[in-house]
Structures are given as structure tokens and as C-alpha cells.
Amino acid sequence: MTIAEFRGARCMAFVKKGMRVKSTYSNRGGRIAGVNSSMNLNIIFDGERHSENCHPHFMMQYFDETGKLIKEYTD
């Protein structure tokens, strides 16, 4: 699945590879590395080498290039 397909399927037109995110569940920040076949995001959290499979609507915050919060899902 491509990022473009993900955007349409999940109605998340703002999502970009490399975008800064934060999991409010684990209180960790990271960057979007891509998407996977389960229509979730692969996120590389700060200080980690490998990506983790994260549901895009579960306790996630999304930030623009300037660090401004542009979307938040609370649970």
C-alpha cells in the first residue's frame, strides 16, 4: 500500500512520509516511515532503529513542518 492509497482509505489527506507524530498512549515522538498492509502507519520512534506498527487513529498527534499540532486523535 502506498501513502496515497492510505490517505484515501483512512481519510487522512494530511499524512506524509517523514511527518512528525506523537503517541499520547506511550508518550513517545517519532516520524512516519511508511504504511503497511494492515492500513496502519510504520513509525520510527525517537532513539529507535526499527519502525513499529501503529494505528493512525489511536491516541496519535500529527504535527506540521513547524511543529504545530494539526490533528489529534484521543482514542
Protein backbone atom coordinates (compact mmCIF):
# COMPACT_ATOMS: atom_id res chain seq x y z
CA MET A 1 0.00 0.00 0.00
CA THR A 2 1.24 3.47 -0.83
CA ILE A 3 0.91 6.63 1.25
CA ALA A 4 -1.53 7.98 -1.36
CA GLU A 5 -3.75 4.89 -1.05
CA PHE A 6 -3.55 5.13 2.74
CA ARG A 7 -4.60 8.80 2.70
CA GLY A 8 -7.72 7.99 0.72
CA ALA A 9 -8.65 4.82 2.58
CA ARG A 10 -8.20 6.36 6.03
CA CYS A 11 -9.47 9.86 5.09
CA MET A 12 -6.20 11.38 6.30
CA ALA A 13 -5.14 13.64 3.43
CA PHE A 14 -2.60 15.46 5.63
CA VAL A 15 -0.36 12.40 6.28
CA LYS A 16 3.13 12.48 4.75
CA LYS A 17 6.14 10.23 4.97
CA GLY A 18 8.62 11.79 7.41
CA MET A 19 5.87 13.66 9.24
CA ARG A 20 6.38 14.20 12.96
CA VAL A 21 3.94 12.35 15.23
CA LYS A 22 3.47 11.61 18.90
CA SER A 23 1.76 8.66 20.55
CA THR A 24 -0.04 10.05 23.57
CA TYR A 25 -0.57 6.45 24.72
CA SER A 26 3.17 5.78 25.10
CA ASN A 27 4.23 9.45 25.31
CA ARG A 28 6.81 8.94 22.55
CA GLY A 29 7.51 11.03 19.49
CA GLY A 30 8.72 9.85 16.12
CA ARG A 31 8.37 10.07 12.36
CA ILE A 32 6.19 8.27 9.83
CA ALA A 33 8.35 5.78 7.93
CA GLY A 34 5.55 4.47 5.73
CA VAL A 35 2.40 2.39 5.77
CA ASN A 36 1.79 -1.34 5.95
CA SER A 37 -0.66 -3.89 4.59
CA SER A 38 -2.94 -3.57 7.63
CA MET A 39 -3.52 0.11 6.70
CA ASN A 40 -1.59 1.27 9.74
CA LEU A 41 1.44 3.51 10.00
CA ASN A 42 5.02 2.36 10.43
CA ILE A 43 6.56 4.82 12.87
CA ILE A 44 10.18 5.08 13.91
CA PHE A 45 10.13 6.46 17.42
CA ASP A 46 12.94 8.73 18.59
CA GLY A 47 16.03 6.76 19.58
CA GLU A 48 14.85 3.55 17.88
CA ARG A 49 16.19 1.85 14.76
CA HIS A 50 13.13 -0.10 13.68
CA SER A 51 9.60 1.01 12.94
CA GLU A 52 6.53 -0.02 14.90
CA ASN A 53 3.05 -0.74 13.57
CA CYS A 54 0.72 1.96 14.95
CA HIS A 55 -2.98 2.51 14.39
CA PRO A 56 -3.32 6.03 12.93
CA HIS A 57 -6.44 6.92 14.96
CA PHE A 58 -5.40 5.58 18.37
CA MET A 59 -4.12 8.33 20.65
CA MET A 60 -1.94 9.99 17.99
CA GLN A 61 -0.96 13.58 17.36
CA TYR A 62 0.24 14.86 13.97
CA PHE A 63 2.46 17.91 13.51
CA ASP A 64 3.32 20.11 10.52
CA GLU A 65 6.87 21.12 9.49
CA THR A 66 6.94 23.94 12.06
CA GLY A 67 5.90 21.68 14.96
CA LYS A 68 2.32 22.95 15.08
CA LEU A 69 -0.28 20.35 16.04
CA ILE A 70 -2.57 19.83 13.05
CA LYS A 71 -4.61 16.77 14.07
CA GLU A 72 -5.17 14.76 17.22
CA TYR A 73 -7.00 11.50 17.86
CA THR A 74 -7.73 10.92 21.53
CA ASP A 75 -8.68 7.22 21.43
